[in-house]
Amino acid sequence: MKSLYRRYRPLALAEVVGQEQVTEPLSSAIQQGKIGHAYLFTGPRGTGKTSVARIFAHAVNDFDYQLEDDYVDIIEIDGASNRGIDDIREIREKAAIKPTLGKYKVYIIDEVHMLTKEAFNALLKTLEEPPAHVIFIMATTDLHKVPATILSRTQVFNFKLADTRVILDHLKKISEQEKIEIEEDALKIIIKRGGGSFRDSLSLLDQISTISSSKITHEMIEKTLGLPEDAKITSILEAYKTRDVSKITADLKDLLNMGIKAEIIAEELIDKIVEEPKAELLPLLDTLPDVKEPFAEARLIAGLLANVKVTPAPALSPTSSPVKDVKNDKKVEKPNLKDKISAIMGGEVKDYGGGNPF
């Protein structure tokens, strides 16, 4: 059975949701017969760049677009795998050959920013003097990596992450058609984890739709996706504002010992701060993005407790570094980072693969 994404994938420009700033000008160009020879689609992953490129390629040739269609006049190329000068030279040679069925031979180059400097120079020669029957549609998530010489010879269209309300309405409609009983709050979690991408949100809905034969709740989704409870995230932030070390460490230990990864906790904390920014929480935005392997859990703990004084001082250990006490003229031991974090957490934290250094 096809996935939800494949079943509800747009087959015409008018069916693309949330990218009107792109689809309307392209539709108008087709209607007026004003087709360019080079387009560049840029924007975050999962926003429909490649789908729109395929739809447009079929539309300019008056081909009936179905997902299983395979026209020799529409050629898709992965820029990451075909990034060398020889690959582009081959495209240039074949581009000179007229299309077989349609009016245009359309080349769709995904991840075009991955091309080498020499490959871009070879492509530039074709864009400067393109055959009348050729259209290039390039897609990228990293516009700044595309040379200015290429940009100046293309029509650039910016794709954006869809508005949350638009995605929510779309997922509600699909859920009704598929007879998936699901709470609105549960759909909001799916959209949040999908990062504003229709593709990723639909894929998550497809995954979640099988977890229960009854109504799907937001608690079910949190458990399935391994997400911390919203109340626990709020509790950690409130404890941070009041510098309540014991509360912060207790909540963190609960989440880590449940097997929730430090990276996920950090992401949820960042999302909550961005949703409701408060001055006393903003320092966390300097540290939480760095929570990643190796030692993700240690980075998370250090980030949350960076502005909190730890008392009493941790016990001495053999791994501590000696520091001279000038007043009493004797050597004392300075606890290292591992000792500090161990003292803060009150003992060992179980390791569930998140990089716990203890």
Protein backbone atom coordinates (compact mmCIF):
# COMPACT_ATOMS: atom_id res chain seq x y z
CA MET A 1 0.00 0.00 0.00
CA LYS A 2 1.31 3.46 -0.90
CA SER A 3 2.33 5.80 1.89
CA LEU A 4 0.17 8.81 2.74
CA TYR A 5 2.81 11.07 1.23
CA ARG A 6 2.63 9.31 -2.12
CA ARG A 7 -1.18 9.13 -2.08
CA TYR A 8 -1.60 12.82 -1.28
CA ARG A 9 1.32 14.17 -3.25
CA PRO A 10 0.27 17.08 -5.49
CA LEU A 11 -0.05 16.26 -9.19
CA ALA A 12 -0.69 19.81 -10.41
CA LEU A 13 0.56 23.26 -9.42
CA ALA A 14 -2.91 24.15 -8.14
CA GLU A 15 -2.72 21.23 -5.67
CA VAL A 16 0.50 22.44 -4.03
CA VAL A 17 -0.42 23.80 -0.59
CA GLY A 18 1.33 26.70 1.09
CA GLN A 19 3.67 27.77 -1.76
CA GLU A 20 1.45 30.18 -3.67
CA GLN A 21 4.35 32.65 -4.07
CA VAL A 22 5.92 30.02 -6.34
CA THR A 23 3.04 28.16 -7.97
CA GLU A 24 1.03 31.20 -9.07
CA PRO A 25 3.84 32.86 -11.12
CA LEU A 26 4.75 29.50 -12.66
CA SER A 27 1.13 28.82 -13.62
CA SER A 28 0.87 32.30 -15.13
CA ALA A 29 4.06 31.75 -17.13
CA ILE A 30 2.65 28.53 -18.61
CA GLN A 31 -0.65 30.20 -19.50
CA GLN A 32 1.13 33.09 -21.21
CA GLY A 33 3.68 30.87 -22.91
CA LYS A 34 6.55 32.78 -21.28
CA ILE A 35 8.79 29.90 -20.29
CA GLY A 36 12.31 30.61 -19.10
CA HIS A 37 15.27 28.35 -19.74
CA ALA A 38 16.69 28.26 -16.21
CA TYR A 39 14.94 28.17 -12.83
CA LEU A 40 16.39 27.86 -9.35
CA PHE A 41 14.18 26.64 -6.51
CA THR A 42 15.57 27.31 -3.05
CA GLY A 43 14.28 26.68 0.46
CA PRO A 44 14.30 24.27 3.42
CA ARG A 45 14.10 20.51 2.89
CA GLY A 46 10.64 19.01 2.54
CA THR A 47 8.97 22.16 1.20
CA GLY A 48 8.16 20.73 -2.24
CA LYS A 49 10.98 21.99 -4.47
CA THR A 50 11.47 18.73 -6.36
CA SER A 51 7.73 18.00 -6.54
CA VAL A 52 7.03 21.41 -8.07
CA ALA A 53 9.94 20.93 -10.49
CA ARG A 54 8.43 17.64 -11.70
CA ILE A 55 4.94 19.11 -12.01
CA PHE A 56 6.26 22.11 -13.93
CA ALA A 57 8.34 19.88 -16.22
CA HIS A 58 5.24 17.86 -17.12
CA ALA A 59 3.05 20.95 -17.49
CA VAL A 60 5.33 22.75 -19.99
CA ASN A 61 5.32 19.60 -22.13
CA ASP A 62 1.60 19.02 -21.68
CA PHE A 63 2.33 15.58 -20.21
CA ASP A 64 -0.20 13.94 -17.89
CA TYR A 65 1.62 13.79 -14.55
CA GLN A 66 1.29 10.61 -12.52
CA LEU A 67 3.80 9.40 -9.96
CA GLU A 68 4.72 6.39 -12.06
CA ASP A 69 5.28 8.41 -15.24
CA ASP A 70 8.67 8.11 -16.90
CA TYR A 71 9.26 10.43 -19.85
CA VAL A 72 12.63 10.42 -21.58
CA ASP A 73 12.40 14.20 -22.04
CA ILE A 74 12.42 14.78 -18.26
CA ILE A 75 15.78 13.92 -16.76
CA GLU A 76 16.40 14.04 -12.99
CA ILE A 77 19.95 14.37 -11.74
CA ASP A 78 21.30 14.18 -8.19
CA GLY A 79 23.86 16.97 -7.87
CA ALA A 80 25.52 15.23 -4.93
CA SER A 81 26.31 12.12 -6.99
CA ASN A 82 26.92 13.77 -10.36
CA ARG A 83 28.92 16.80 -9.30
CA GLY A 84 31.99 16.69 -11.50
CA ILE A 85 32.87 18.52 -14.69
CA ASP A 86 32.57 15.34 -16.77
CA ASP A 87 28.97 14.85 -15.56
CA ILE A 88 28.01 18.37 -16.65
CA ARG A 89 29.82 18.01 -19.98
CA GLU A 90 27.75 14.89 -20.65
CA ILE A 91 24.58 16.84 -19.88
CA ARG A 92 25.66 19.60 -22.28
CA GLU A 93 26.24 17.10 -25.08
CA LYS A 94 22.91 15.36 -24.60
CA ALA A 95 21.04 18.67 -24.17
CA ALA A 96 21.85 19.50 -27.79
CA ILE A 97 19.66 16.58 -28.92
CA LYS A 98 16.05 17.62 -29.48
CA PRO A 99 13.28 16.21 -27.23
CA THR A 100 11.57 12.97 -28.26
CA LEU A 101 7.92 13.59 -27.32
CA GLY A 102 7.52 17.00 -25.77
CA LYS A 103 8.36 20.57 -26.70
CA TYR A 104 11.12 20.80 -24.11
CA LYS A 105 13.86 18.62 -22.74
CA VAL A 106 13.84 19.37 -19.00
CA TYR A 107 16.77 18.74 -16.69
CA ILE A 108 15.99 18.73 -12.95
CA ILE A 109 19.21 19.03 -10.92
CA ASP A 110 18.62 18.43 -7.22
CA GLU A 111 21.13 19.61 -4.58
CA VAL A 112 22.80 21.73 -7.25
CA HIS A 113 24.98 23.45 -4.64
CA MET A 114 27.01 20.21 -4.45
CA LEU A 115 28.54 20.75 -7.91
CA THR A 116 32.26 21.47 -8.04
CA LYS A 117 33.60 24.86 -9.14
CA GLU A 118 34.64 23.39 -12.49
CA ALA A 119 31.22 21.79 -12.96
CA PHE A 120 29.49 25.12 -12.27
CA ASN A 121 31.71 26.79 -14.87
CA ALA A 122 30.74 24.15 -17.43
CA LEU A 123 27.05 24.57 -16.57
CA LEU A 124 27.38 28.34 -16.88
CA LYS A 125 28.38 28.02 -20.54
CA THR A 126 25.16 26.16 -21.27
CA LEU A 127 23.04 28.68 -19.31
CA GLU A 128 24.61 31.56 -21.25
CA GLU A 129 23.61 30.08 -24.62
CA PRO A 130 20.94 27.44 -23.95
CA PRO A 131 19.36 25.47 -26.80
CA ALA A 132 15.82 26.71 -27.42
CA HIS A 133 14.36 23.31 -26.47
CA VAL A 134 16.11 22.96 -23.07
CA ILE A 135 14.94 23.97 -19.59
CA PHE A 136 17.05 23.63 -16.46
CA ILE A 137 15.32 23.46 -13.09
CA MET A 138 17.78 23.45 -10.21
CA ALA A 139 16.94 22.92 -6.53
CA THR A 140 18.99 23.68 -3.44
CA THR A 141 18.74 24.01 0.31
CA ASP A 142 21.93 26.13 0.39
CA LEU A 143 21.49 29.13 -1.89
CA HIS A 144 24.66 30.82 -0.61
CA LYS A 145 26.74 27.98 -2.10
CA VAL A 146 25.49 28.65 -5.63
CA PRO A 147 27.79 31.03 -7.57
CA ALA A 148 26.45 34.50 -8.35
CA THR A 149 27.14 33.90 -12.05
CA ILE A 150 24.63 31.02 -12.00
CA LEU A 151 22.07 33.00 -9.98
CA SER A 152 22.20 35.90 -12.44
CA ARG A 153 21.12 33.61 -15.28
CA THR A 154 18.19 31.93 -13.53
CA GLN A 155 14.74 32.80 -12.27
CA VAL A 156 14.96 32.27 -8.51
CA PHE A 157 11.91 31.08 -6.54
CA ASN A 158 11.97 30.90 -2.75
CA PHE A 159 10.09 28.09 -1.01
CA LYS A 160 9.20 28.50 2.66
CA LEU A 161 8.11 26.36 5.56
CA ALA A 162 4.33 26.22 5.53
CA ASP A 163 2.25 28.02 8.14
CA THR A 164 1.28 25.74 11.03
CA ARG A 165 -2.43 26.45 10.57
CA VAL A 166 -2.25 25.54 6.88
CA ILE A 167 -0.56 22.20 7.61
CA LEU A 168 -2.99 21.49 10.47
CA ASP A 169 -6.03 22.00 8.23
CA HIS A 170 -4.44 19.81 5.55
CA LEU A 171 -3.66 16.98 7.99
CA LYS A 172 -7.18 17.17 9.45
CA LYS A 173 -8.65 16.75 5.99
CA ILE A 174 -6.40 13.78 5.22
CA SER A 175 -7.14 12.19 8.62
CA GLU A 176 -10.88 12.41 7.92
CA GLN A 177 -10.49 10.88 4.47
CA GLU A 178 -8.31 8.07 5.85
CA LYS A 179 -10.64 7.59 8.87
CA ILE A 180 -7.78 8.24 11.32
CA GLU A 181 -9.17 9.35 14.68
CA ILE A 182 -6.65 11.74 16.18
CA GLU A 183 -6.71 14.66 18.60
CA GLU A 184 -5.87 18.14 17.34
CA ASP A 185 -3.13 18.41 19.99
CA ALA A 186 -1.67 15.18 18.63
CA LEU A 187 -1.62 16.65 15.11
CA LYS A 188 0.14 19.74 16.47
CA ILE A 189 2.92 17.54 17.87
CA ILE A 190 3.27 15.86 14.46
CA ILE A 191 3.54 19.26 12.75
CA LYS A 192 6.09 20.44 15.30
CA ARG A 193 8.25 17.36 14.79
CA GLY A 194 7.79 17.73 11.02
CA GLY A 195 9.47 21.13 11.24
CA GLY A 196 7.00 22.90 8.97
CA SER A 197 7.46 20.38 6.17
CA PHE A 198 4.38 18.81 4.55
CA ARG A 199 6.42 15.80 3.50
CA ASP A 200 7.83 15.09 6.96
CA SER A 201 4.49 15.77 8.67
CA LEU A 202 2.66 13.36 6.36
CA SER A 203 5.33 10.72 6.91
CA LEU A 204 4.91 11.06 10.68
CA LEU A 205 1.12 10.89 10.43
CA ASP A 206 1.52 7.72 8.36
CA GLN A 207 3.75 6.23 11.07
CA ILE A 208 1.48 7.29 13.95
CA SER A 209 -1.74 6.10 12.30
CA THR A 210 -0.90 2.47 13.13
CA ILE A 211 -0.26 2.82 16.88
CA SER A 212 -3.89 2.49 17.95
CA SER A 213 -7.25 1.34 16.62
CA SER A 214 -8.94 3.90 18.87
CA LYS A 215 -8.49 7.65 19.02
CA ILE A 216 -4.84 8.72 18.96
CA THR A 217 -3.93 11.12 21.78
CA HIS A 218 -0.99 13.45 22.21
CA GLU A 219 0.22 11.27 25.11
CA MET A 220 0.43 8.28 22.74
CA ILE A 221 2.50 10.29 20.27
CA GLU A 222 4.87 11.58 22.95
CA LYS A 223 5.49 8.00 24.05
CA THR A 224 5.87 6.65 20.51
CA LEU A 225 8.26 9.39 19.39
CA GLY A 226 10.22 9.35 22.65
CA LEU A 227 9.36 12.96 23.49
CA PRO A 228 9.46 14.50 26.96
CA GLU A 229 6.16 15.63 28.45
CA ASP A 230 5.48 19.31 27.85
CA ALA A 231 4.91 19.80 31.59
CA LYS A 232 8.39 18.46 32.35
CA ILE A 233 10.02 20.84 29.85
CA THR A 234 8.13 23.76 31.39
CA SER A 235 9.22 22.61 34.85
CA ILE A 236 12.90 22.61 33.86
CA LEU A 237 12.66 26.14 32.45
CA GLU A 238 10.86 27.42 35.55
CA ALA A 239 13.55 25.85 37.72
CA TYR A 240 16.23 27.48 35.56
CA LYS A 241 14.66 30.91 36.11
CA THR A 242 14.75 30.44 39.89
CA ARG A 243 18.18 28.73 39.82
CA ASP A 244 16.67 25.68 41.52
CA VAL A 245 19.50 23.18 41.02
CA SER A 246 17.79 20.28 42.76
CA LYS A 247 14.64 20.65 40.61
CA ILE A 248 16.61 20.92 37.36
CA THR A 249 18.69 17.86 38.14
CA ALA A 250 15.69 15.83 39.33
CA ASP A 251 13.72 16.55 36.14
CA LEU A 252 16.74 15.83 33.94
CA LYS A 253 17.43 12.53 35.69
CA ASP A 254 13.79 11.49 35.21
CA LEU A 255 13.89 12.23 31.48
CA LEU A 256 17.31 10.69 30.85
CA ASN A 257 16.47 7.55 32.82
CA MET A 258 13.30 7.18 30.74
CA GLY A 259 15.59 6.84 27.73
CA ILE A 260 14.80 10.25 26.21
CA LYS A 261 17.89 11.49 24.42
CA ALA A 262 19.62 14.67 25.51
CA GLU A 263 19.38 16.07 21.98
CA ILE A 264 15.58 15.71 22.02
CA ILE A 265 15.34 17.39 25.43
CA ALA A 266 17.47 20.28 24.13
CA GLU A 267 15.30 20.64 21.01
CA GLU A 268 12.13 20.76 23.10
CA LEU A 269 13.64 23.34 25.45
CA ILE A 270 14.70 25.52 22.49
CA ASP A 271 11.23 25.26 20.90
CA LYS A 272 9.56 26.27 24.18
CA ILE A 273 11.88 29.28 24.62
CA VAL A 274 11.28 30.42 21.03
CA GLU A 275 7.51 30.07 21.47
CA GLU A 276 7.52 32.13 24.68
CA PRO A 277 10.79 34.11 24.81
CA LYS A 278 11.73 35.51 28.20
CA ALA A 279 14.88 37.51 28.94
CA GLU A 280 16.05 35.21 31.73
CA LEU A 281 15.88 32.17 29.42
CA LEU A 282 17.74 33.64 26.44
CA PRO A 283 21.24 32.61 27.68
CA LEU A 284 20.16 29.00 27.07
CA LEU A 285 19.95 29.69 23.34
CA ASP A 286 23.74 30.10 23.39
CA THR A 287 24.33 26.65 24.88
CA LEU A 288 21.46 24.29 23.99
CA PRO A 289 22.19 24.19 20.21
CA ASP A 290 25.58 22.64 21.11
CA VAL A 291 23.95 19.60 22.75
CA LYS A 292 25.16 16.85 20.45
CA GLU A 293 27.47 13.86 20.47
CA PRO A 294 29.95 13.18 21.93
CA PHE A 295 28.83 13.60 25.54
CA ALA A 296 25.43 15.08 24.68
CA GLU A 297 24.11 14.61 28.22
CA ALA A 298 27.12 16.32 29.78
CA ARG A 299 26.67 19.26 27.38
CA LEU A 300 22.99 19.51 28.32
CA ILE A 301 23.71 19.50 32.05
CA ALA A 302 26.54 22.01 31.70
CA GLY A 303 24.36 24.30 29.57
CA LEU A 304 21.49 24.34 32.06
CA LEU A 305 23.74 24.84 35.08
CA ALA A 306 26.26 27.23 33.54
CA ASN A 307 24.99 30.19 35.58
CA VAL A 308 24.29 28.28 38.77
CA LYS A 309 26.79 28.15 41.63
CA VAL A 310 27.25 24.65 42.95
CA THR A 311 27.52 24.36 46.75
CA PRO A 312 28.84 22.70 48.76
CA ALA A 313 32.05 22.03 46.85
CA PRO A 314 32.33 18.49 45.46
CA ALA A 315 34.46 15.94 47.31
CA LEU A 316 38.07 15.60 46.28
CA SER A 317 39.03 12.85 43.89
CA PRO A 318 42.25 11.33 42.62
CA THR A 319 41.63 12.91 39.21
CA SER A 320 41.41 16.46 40.61
CA SER A 321 43.99 19.09 39.70
CA PRO A 322 46.13 20.67 42.46
CA VAL A 323 45.73 24.42 43.04
CA LYS A 324 47.78 26.46 45.48
CA ASP A 325 45.93 28.20 48.34
CA VAL A 326 47.85 31.49 48.52
CA LYS A 327 46.40 32.58 51.90
CA ASN A 328 47.29 29.38 53.76
CA ASP A 329 50.28 28.54 51.55
CA LYS A 330 49.14 25.00 50.93
CA LYS A 331 47.90 22.95 48.04
CA VAL A 332 44.20 22.19 47.61
CA GLU A 333 42.42 20.20 44.94
CA LYS A 334 40.34 21.78 42.17
CA PRO A 335 37.53 19.45 41.07
CA ASN A 336 37.41 18.70 37.37
CA LEU A 337 34.27 18.90 35.14
CA LYS A 338 33.39 15.24 35.58
CA ASP A 339 33.44 15.59 39.38
CA LYS A 340 31.28 18.72 39.24
CA ILE A 341 28.61 17.13 37.06
CA SER A 342 28.63 13.93 39.13
CA ALA A 343 28.11 15.95 42.30
CA ILE A 344 25.30 17.96 40.72
CA MET A 345 23.48 14.87 39.47
CA GLY A 346 23.87 13.10 42.81
CA GLY A 347 25.25 9.90 41.35
CA GLU A 348 25.36 7.88 38.20
CA VAL A 349 22.90 8.54 35.33
CA LYS A 350 22.00 5.50 33.26
CA ASP A 351 23.37 5.47 29.73
CA TYR A 352 20.78 4.91 27.01
CA GLY A 353 23.11 5.69 24.12
CA GLY A 354 22.97 9.48 24.46
CA GLY A 355 26.67 9.93 25.21
CA ASN A 356 26.53 9.87 29.05
CA PRO A 357 30.18 10.16 30.19
CA PHE A 358 29.66 8.68 33.63
